[in-house]
Amino acid sequence: MFVSSEQPKVIGSTVKAAVGEDVILPCHLDPPFNVTNLTVEVEWTNNDNRMVHVYENGSDRPEEQDQVYRDRTEMKKDLLRTGDLSLTLKHPKVTDTGEYRCVVYNREGNYMRGKTVQLKVKGQNDLTNLFSVLSGIWVVVVVGVLAFIIGIIIGIIIGFIICHYKQNRRDASKSQISPLFI
């Protein structure tokens, strides 16, 4: 067991992940500090203050976890011996992109240390760009279809007016024929 006289602090970082591929959100006590035999609580929360993972008194507390993260997180018990409080997030989604906080409380429930980790799930920009392109294409298609339909309607109206005009001219010319030629 490593024991240090220094007060431990938590160190975090920025992480990039691919959609669907498990990712580790790093969080380490510095200096290394064994927390397996201490009464400590480690909470991982996201930027919406949802409870991502809770570790307390040597075990995980899934009942305190937000449903969105249920069965998707894990803290390895053997890593806690070294003060590694990293969290594995399984099957990350684009919506998981954001800020995560690793916070350590002592046995009295007082804040000891904490750090944030930025998670950027790859594909977010790709999806945003895809939606932008698709929405741009969609607008062009809708405008094109509407222009085509309006063109057909105008063509039908013009055709009807021309036919009606020609019919009226024929009717008018028949009524104006001289009786001498009948």
C-alpha atoms as a PDB file:
ATOM      1  CA  MET A   1       0.000   0.000   0.000  1.00  0.00           C
ATOM      2  CA  PHE A   2       1.380   3.372  -1.022  1.00  0.00           C
ATOM      3  CA  VAL A   3       0.929   6.060   1.585  1.00  0.00           C
ATOM      4  CA  SER A   4       1.884   9.659   1.094  1.00  0.00           C
ATOM      5  CA  SER A   5       1.913  12.551   3.501  1.00  0.00           C
ATOM      6  CA  GLU A   6       0.775  14.857   0.676  1.00  0.00           C
ATOM      7  CA  GLN A   7      -2.895  15.661   0.294  1.00  0.00           C
ATOM      8  CA  PRO A   8      -4.142  13.808  -2.826  1.00  0.00           C
ATOM      9  CA  LYS A   9      -5.583  15.756  -5.732  1.00  0.00           C
ATOM     10  CA  VAL A  10      -7.413  14.507  -8.825  1.00  0.00           C
ATOM     11  CA  ILE A  11      -5.980  14.977 -12.293  1.00  0.00           C
ATOM     12  CA  GLY A  12      -8.154  14.747 -15.434  1.00  0.00           C
ATOM     13  CA  SER A  13      -7.880  15.447 -19.183  1.00  0.00           C
ATOM     14  CA  THR A  14      -9.585  15.665 -22.578  1.00  0.00           C
ATOM     15  CA  VAL A  15     -10.525  12.445 -24.345  1.00  0.00           C
ATOM     16  CA  LYS A  16     -11.663  11.725 -27.896  1.00  0.00           C
ATOM     17  CA  ALA A  17     -13.622   8.586 -28.685  1.00  0.00           C
ATOM     18  CA  ALA A  18     -15.335   6.940 -31.621  1.00  0.00           C
ATOM     19  CA  VAL A  19     -19.054   6.278 -31.486  1.00  0.00           C
ATOM     20  CA  GLY A  20     -19.690   2.807 -30.045  1.00  0.00           C
ATOM     21  CA  GLU A  21     -16.096   2.114 -28.951  1.00  0.00           C
ATOM     22  CA  ASP A  22     -15.499   1.895 -25.194  1.00  0.00           C
ATOM     23  CA  VAL A  23     -13.570   4.842 -23.795  1.00  0.00           C
ATOM     24  CA  ILE A  24     -11.710   5.456 -20.547  1.00  0.00           C
ATOM     25  CA  LEU A  25     -12.270   8.791 -18.814  1.00  0.00           C
ATOM     26  CA  PRO A  26      -9.020   9.186 -16.878  1.00  0.00           C
ATOM     27  CA  CYS A  27      -8.935  10.371 -13.308  1.00  0.00           C
ATOM     28  CA  HIS A  28      -5.958   9.741 -11.027  1.00  0.00           C
ATOM     29  CA  LEU A  29      -5.166  10.662  -7.466  1.00  0.00           C
ATOM     30  CA  ASP A  30      -1.834  12.414  -7.342  1.00  0.00           C
ATOM     31  CA  PRO A  31       0.265  11.330  -5.600  1.00  0.00           C
ATOM     32  CA  PRO A  32      -0.928   7.697  -5.956  1.00  0.00           C
ATOM     33  CA  PHE A  33      -3.155   6.980  -3.013  1.00  0.00           C
ATOM     34  CA  ASN A  34      -4.815   3.666  -2.107  1.00  0.00           C
ATOM     35  CA  VAL A  35      -8.561   4.251  -1.687  1.00  0.00           C
ATOM     36  CA  THR A  36      -9.728   0.618  -1.602  1.00  0.00           C
ATOM     37  CA  ASN A  37      -9.625   0.362   2.190  1.00  0.00           C
ATOM     38  CA  LEU A  38     -10.773   3.888   2.957  1.00  0.00           C
ATOM     39  CA  THR A  39     -14.329   5.056   3.379  1.00  0.00           C
ATOM     40  CA  VAL A  40     -14.513   7.283   0.349  1.00  0.00           C
ATOM     41  CA  GLU A  41     -17.112   8.063  -2.259  1.00  0.00           C
ATOM     42  CA  VAL A  42     -16.202   8.669  -5.883  1.00  0.00           C
ATOM     43  CA  GLU A  43     -18.868  10.288  -8.040  1.00  0.00           C
ATOM     44  CA  TRP A  44     -18.768  10.760 -11.778  1.00  0.00           C
ATOM     45  CA  THR A  45     -21.327  13.286 -13.034  1.00  0.00           C
ATOM     46  CA  ASN A  46     -21.904  14.869 -16.431  1.00  0.00           C
ATOM     47  CA  ASN A  47     -22.459  18.520 -17.368  1.00  0.00           C
ATOM     48  CA  ASP A  48     -26.229  18.052 -16.753  1.00  0.00           C
ATOM     49  CA  ASN A  49     -25.423  16.879 -13.179  1.00  0.00           C
ATOM     50  CA  ARG A  50     -26.648  13.394 -14.020  1.00  0.00           C
ATOM     51  CA  MET A  51     -25.059  10.687 -11.898  1.00  0.00           C
ATOM     52  CA  VAL A  52     -22.850   8.731 -14.301  1.00  0.00           C
ATOM     53  CA  HIS A  53     -21.242   6.363 -11.752  1.00  0.00           C
ATOM     54  CA  VAL A  54     -20.983   6.099  -7.969  1.00  0.00           C
ATOM     55  CA  TYR A  55     -18.380   4.106  -6.050  1.00  0.00           C
ATOM     56  CA  GLU A  56     -18.784   4.025  -2.281  1.00  0.00           C
ATOM     57  CA  ASN A  57     -17.378   1.885   0.540  1.00  0.00           C
ATOM     58  CA  GLY A  58     -15.569  -0.477  -1.815  1.00  0.00           C
ATOM     59  CA  SER A  59     -18.378  -1.129  -4.286  1.00  0.00           C
ATOM     60  CA  ASP A  60     -20.285   0.348  -7.183  1.00  0.00           C
ATOM     61  CA  ARG A  61     -23.739   1.839  -6.496  1.00  0.00           C
ATOM     62  CA  PRO A  62     -25.744   1.297  -9.720  1.00  0.00           C
ATOM     63  CA  GLU A  63     -29.003   2.231  -7.981  1.00  0.00           C
ATOM     64  CA  GLU A  64     -27.718   5.827  -7.700  1.00  0.00           C
ATOM     65  CA  GLN A  65     -26.806   5.971 -11.385  1.00  0.00           C
ATOM     66  CA  ASP A  66     -28.862   7.807 -14.016  1.00  0.00           C
ATOM     67  CA  GLN A  67     -30.716   5.344 -16.256  1.00  0.00           C
ATOM     68  CA  VAL A  68     -28.905   6.684 -19.353  1.00  0.00           C
ATOM     69  CA  TYR A  69     -25.629   5.276 -18.002  1.00  0.00           C
ATOM     70  CA  ARG A  70     -26.949   2.051 -16.432  1.00  0.00           C
ATOM     71  CA  ASP A  71     -24.815  -0.955 -17.479  1.00  0.00           C
ATOM     72  CA  ARG A  72     -22.522   1.348 -19.486  1.00  0.00           C
ATOM     73  CA  THR A  73     -19.896   2.311 -16.874  1.00  0.00           C
ATOM     74  CA  GLU A  74     -17.223   0.527 -14.921  1.00  0.00           C
ATOM     75  CA  MET A  75     -14.477   1.338 -12.445  1.00  0.00           C
ATOM     76  CA  LYS A  76     -11.962  -1.479 -12.110  1.00  0.00           C
ATOM     77  CA  LYS A  77     -11.430  -2.425  -8.461  1.00  0.00           C
ATOM     78  CA  ASP A  78      -7.734  -3.309  -8.899  1.00  0.00           C
ATOM     79  CA  LEU A  79      -7.065   0.161 -10.299  1.00  0.00           C
ATOM     80  CA  LEU A  80      -8.408   1.788  -7.132  1.00  0.00           C
ATOM     81  CA  ARG A  81      -5.410   0.434  -5.191  1.00  0.00           C
ATOM     82  CA  THR A  82      -3.179   2.785  -7.157  1.00  0.00           C
ATOM     83  CA  GLY A  83      -5.507   5.770  -6.898  1.00  0.00           C
ATOM     84  CA  ASP A  84      -6.671   5.355 -10.499  1.00  0.00           C
ATOM     85  CA  LEU A  85     -10.320   6.425 -10.437  1.00  0.00           C
ATOM     86  CA  SER A  86     -10.730   6.259 -14.210  1.00  0.00           C
ATOM     87  CA  LEU A  87     -14.140   5.385 -15.558  1.00  0.00           C
ATOM     88  CA  THR A  88     -14.818   3.171 -18.557  1.00  0.00           C
ATOM     89  CA  LEU A  89     -17.827   4.372 -20.561  1.00  0.00           C
ATOM     90  CA  LYS A  90     -19.126   1.597 -22.801  1.00  0.00           C
ATOM     91  CA  HIS A  91     -20.682   2.225 -26.205  1.00  0.00           C
ATOM     92  CA  PRO A  92     -20.425   6.037 -26.186  1.00  0.00           C
ATOM     93  CA  LYS A  93     -22.910   7.966 -28.304  1.00  0.00           C
ATOM     94  CA  VAL A  94     -22.666  11.414 -29.847  1.00  0.00           C
ATOM     95  CA  THR A  95     -24.995  12.618 -27.073  1.00  0.00           C
ATOM     96  CA  ASP A  96     -22.370  11.551 -24.501  1.00  0.00           C
ATOM     97  CA  THR A  97     -20.092  14.370 -25.697  1.00  0.00           C
ATOM     98  CA  GLY A  98     -19.519  16.878 -22.909  1.00  0.00           C
ATOM     99  CA  GLU A  99     -17.918  17.519 -19.570  1.00  0.00           C
ATOM    100  CA  TYR A 100     -17.628  14.825 -16.883  1.00  0.00           C
ATOM    101  CA  ARG A 101     -16.593  15.406 -13.288  1.00  0.00           C
ATOM    102  CA  CYS A 102     -14.751  12.969 -11.048  1.00  0.00           C
ATOM    103  CA  VAL A 103     -15.273  13.993  -7.416  1.00  0.00           C
ATOM    104  CA  VAL A 104     -13.866  12.309  -4.304  1.00  0.00           C
ATOM    105  CA  TYR A 105     -15.510  12.674  -0.875  1.00  0.00           C
ATOM    106  CA  ASN A 106     -14.075  11.498   2.451  1.00  0.00           C
ATOM    107  CA  ARG A 107     -15.907   9.287   4.974  1.00  0.00           C
ATOM    108  CA  GLU A 108     -17.644  12.346   6.484  1.00  0.00           C
ATOM    109  CA  GLY A 109     -18.988  13.262   3.047  1.00  0.00           C
ATOM    110  CA  ASN A 110     -16.729  16.291   2.681  1.00  0.00           C
ATOM    111  CA  TYR A 111     -15.293  17.172  -0.701  1.00  0.00           C
ATOM    112  CA  MET A 112     -11.665  16.074  -0.989  1.00  0.00           C
ATOM    113  CA  ARG A 113     -10.720  16.540  -4.633  1.00  0.00           C
ATOM    114  CA  GLY A 114     -12.267  16.785  -8.079  1.00  0.00           C
ATOM    115  CA  LYS A 115     -11.453  17.252 -11.717  1.00  0.00           C
ATOM    116  CA  THR A 116     -13.264  17.554 -15.026  1.00  0.00           C
ATOM    117  CA  VAL A 117     -12.710  15.478 -18.146  1.00  0.00           C
ATOM    118  CA  GLN A 118     -13.896  16.625 -21.560  1.00  0.00           C
ATOM    119  CA  LEU A 119     -15.263  13.837 -23.749  1.00  0.00           C
ATOM    120  CA  LYS A 120     -15.543  14.433 -27.476  1.00  0.00           C
ATOM    121  CA  VAL A 121     -17.211  11.583 -29.311  1.00  0.00           C
ATOM    122  CA  LYS A 122     -15.963  11.379 -32.921  1.00  0.00           C
ATOM    123  CA  GLY A 123     -18.677  11.649 -35.465  1.00  0.00           C
ATOM    124  CA  GLN A 124     -20.346  14.643 -33.840  1.00  0.00           C
ATOM    125  CA  ASN A 125     -18.999  17.066 -36.455  1.00  0.00           C
ATOM    126  CA  ASP A 126     -19.509  14.499 -39.197  1.00  0.00           C
ATOM    127  CA  LEU A 127     -23.160  14.128 -38.195  1.00  0.00           C
ATOM    128  CA  THR A 128     -23.613  17.866 -37.916  1.00  0.00           C
ATOM    129  CA  ASN A 129     -22.088  18.345 -41.359  1.00  0.00           C
ATOM    130  CA  LEU A 130     -24.190  15.528 -42.753  1.00  0.00           C
ATOM    131  CA  PHE A 131     -27.370  17.109 -41.382  1.00  0.00           C
ATOM    132  CA  SER A 132     -26.303  20.483 -42.783  1.00  0.00           C
ATOM    133  CA  VAL A 133     -25.673  18.994 -46.216  1.00  0.00           C
ATOM    134  CA  LEU A 134     -28.878  16.965 -46.121  1.00  0.00           C
ATOM    135  CA  SER A 135     -30.919  19.951 -45.015  1.00  0.00           C
ATOM    136  CA  GLY A 136     -29.346  22.010 -47.809  1.00  0.00           C
ATOM    137  CA  ILE A 137     -30.118  19.277 -50.330  1.00  0.00           C
ATOM    138  CA  TRP A 138     -33.611  18.946 -48.880  1.00  0.00           C
ATOM    139  CA  VAL A 139     -34.253  22.658 -49.384  1.00  0.00           C
ATOM    140  CA  VAL A 140     -33.033  22.470 -52.984  1.00  0.00           C
ATOM    141  CA  VAL A 141     -35.216  19.416 -53.678  1.00  0.00           C
ATOM    142  CA  VAL A 142     -38.312  20.981 -52.105  1.00  0.00           C
ATOM    143  CA  VAL A 143     -37.812  24.267 -53.971  1.00  0.00           C
ATOM    144  CA  GLY A 144     -37.232  22.365 -57.223  1.00  0.00           C
ATOM    145  CA  VAL A 145     -40.339  20.212 -56.775  1.00  0.00           C
ATOM    146  CA  LEU A 146     -42.454  23.256 -55.866  1.00  0.00           C
ATOM    147  CA  ALA A 147     -41.142  25.182 -58.897  1.00  0.00           C
ATOM    148  CA  PHE A 148     -41.945  22.190 -61.124  1.00  0.00           C
ATOM    149  CA  ILE A 149     -45.491  21.879 -59.726  1.00  0.00           C
ATOM    150  CA  ILE A 150     -46.089  25.635 -59.995  1.00  0.00           C
ATOM    151  CA  GLY A 151     -44.760  25.521 -63.604  1.00  0.00           C
ATOM    152  CA  ILE A 152     -47.189  22.721 -64.474  1.00  0.00           C
ATOM    153  CA  ILE A 153     -50.105  24.597 -62.891  1.00  0.00           C
ATOM    154  CA  ILE A 154     -49.199  27.808 -64.734  1.00  0.00           C
ATOM    155  CA  GLY A 155     -48.848  25.827 -67.991  1.00  0.00           C
ATOM    156  CA  ILE A 156     -52.278  24.258 -67.500  1.00  0.00           C
ATOM    157  CA  ILE A 157     -53.841  27.647 -66.737  1.00  0.00           C
ATOM    158  CA  ILE A 158     -52.201  29.256 -69.796  1.00  0.00           C
ATOM    159  CA  GLY A 159     -53.257  26.305 -71.955  1.00  0.00           C
ATOM    160  CA  PHE A 160     -56.826  26.572 -70.670  1.00  0.00           C
ATOM    161  CA  ILE A 161     -56.899  30.341 -71.348  1.00  0.00           C
ATOM    162  CA  ILE A 162     -55.551  29.853 -74.900  1.00  0.00           C
ATOM    163  CA  CYS A 163     -58.036  27.085 -75.660  1.00  0.00           C
ATOM    164  CA  HIS A 164     -60.904  29.127 -74.203  1.00  0.00           C
ATOM    165  CA  TYR A 165     -59.783  32.196 -76.185  1.00  0.00           C
ATOM    166  CA  LYS A 166     -59.606  30.191 -79.446  1.00  0.00           C
ATOM    167  CA  GLN A 167     -63.019  28.659 -78.787  1.00  0.00           C
ATOM    168  CA  ASN A 168     -64.533  32.105 -78.159  1.00  0.00           C
ATOM    169  CA  ARG A 169     -62.979  33.420 -81.388  1.00  0.00           C
ATOM    170  CA  ARG A 170     -64.454  30.504 -83.363  1.00  0.00           C
ATOM    171  CA  ASP A 171     -67.856  31.047 -81.795  1.00  0.00           C
ATOM    172  CA  ALA A 172     -67.632  34.786 -82.486  1.00  0.00           C
ATOM    173  CA  SER A 173     -66.524  34.264 -86.070  1.00  0.00           C
ATOM    174  CA  LYS A 174     -69.395  31.804 -86.730  1.00  0.00           C
ATOM    175  CA  SER A 175     -71.948  34.297 -85.451  1.00  0.00           C
ATOM    176  CA  GLN A 176     -70.556  37.032 -87.685  1.00  0.00           C
ATOM    177  CA  ILE A 177     -70.740  35.031 -90.983  1.00  0.00           C
ATOM    178  CA  SER A 178     -72.821  36.758 -93.614  1.00  0.00           C
ATOM    179  CA  PRO A 179     -76.097  35.023 -94.630  1.00  0.00           C
ATOM    180  CA  LEU A 180     -75.171  35.407 -98.280  1.00  0.00           C
ATOM    181  CA  PHE A 181     -72.561  32.716 -97.990  1.00  0.00           C
ATOM    182  CA  ILE A 182     -74.815  30.200 -96.333  1.00  0.00           C
END
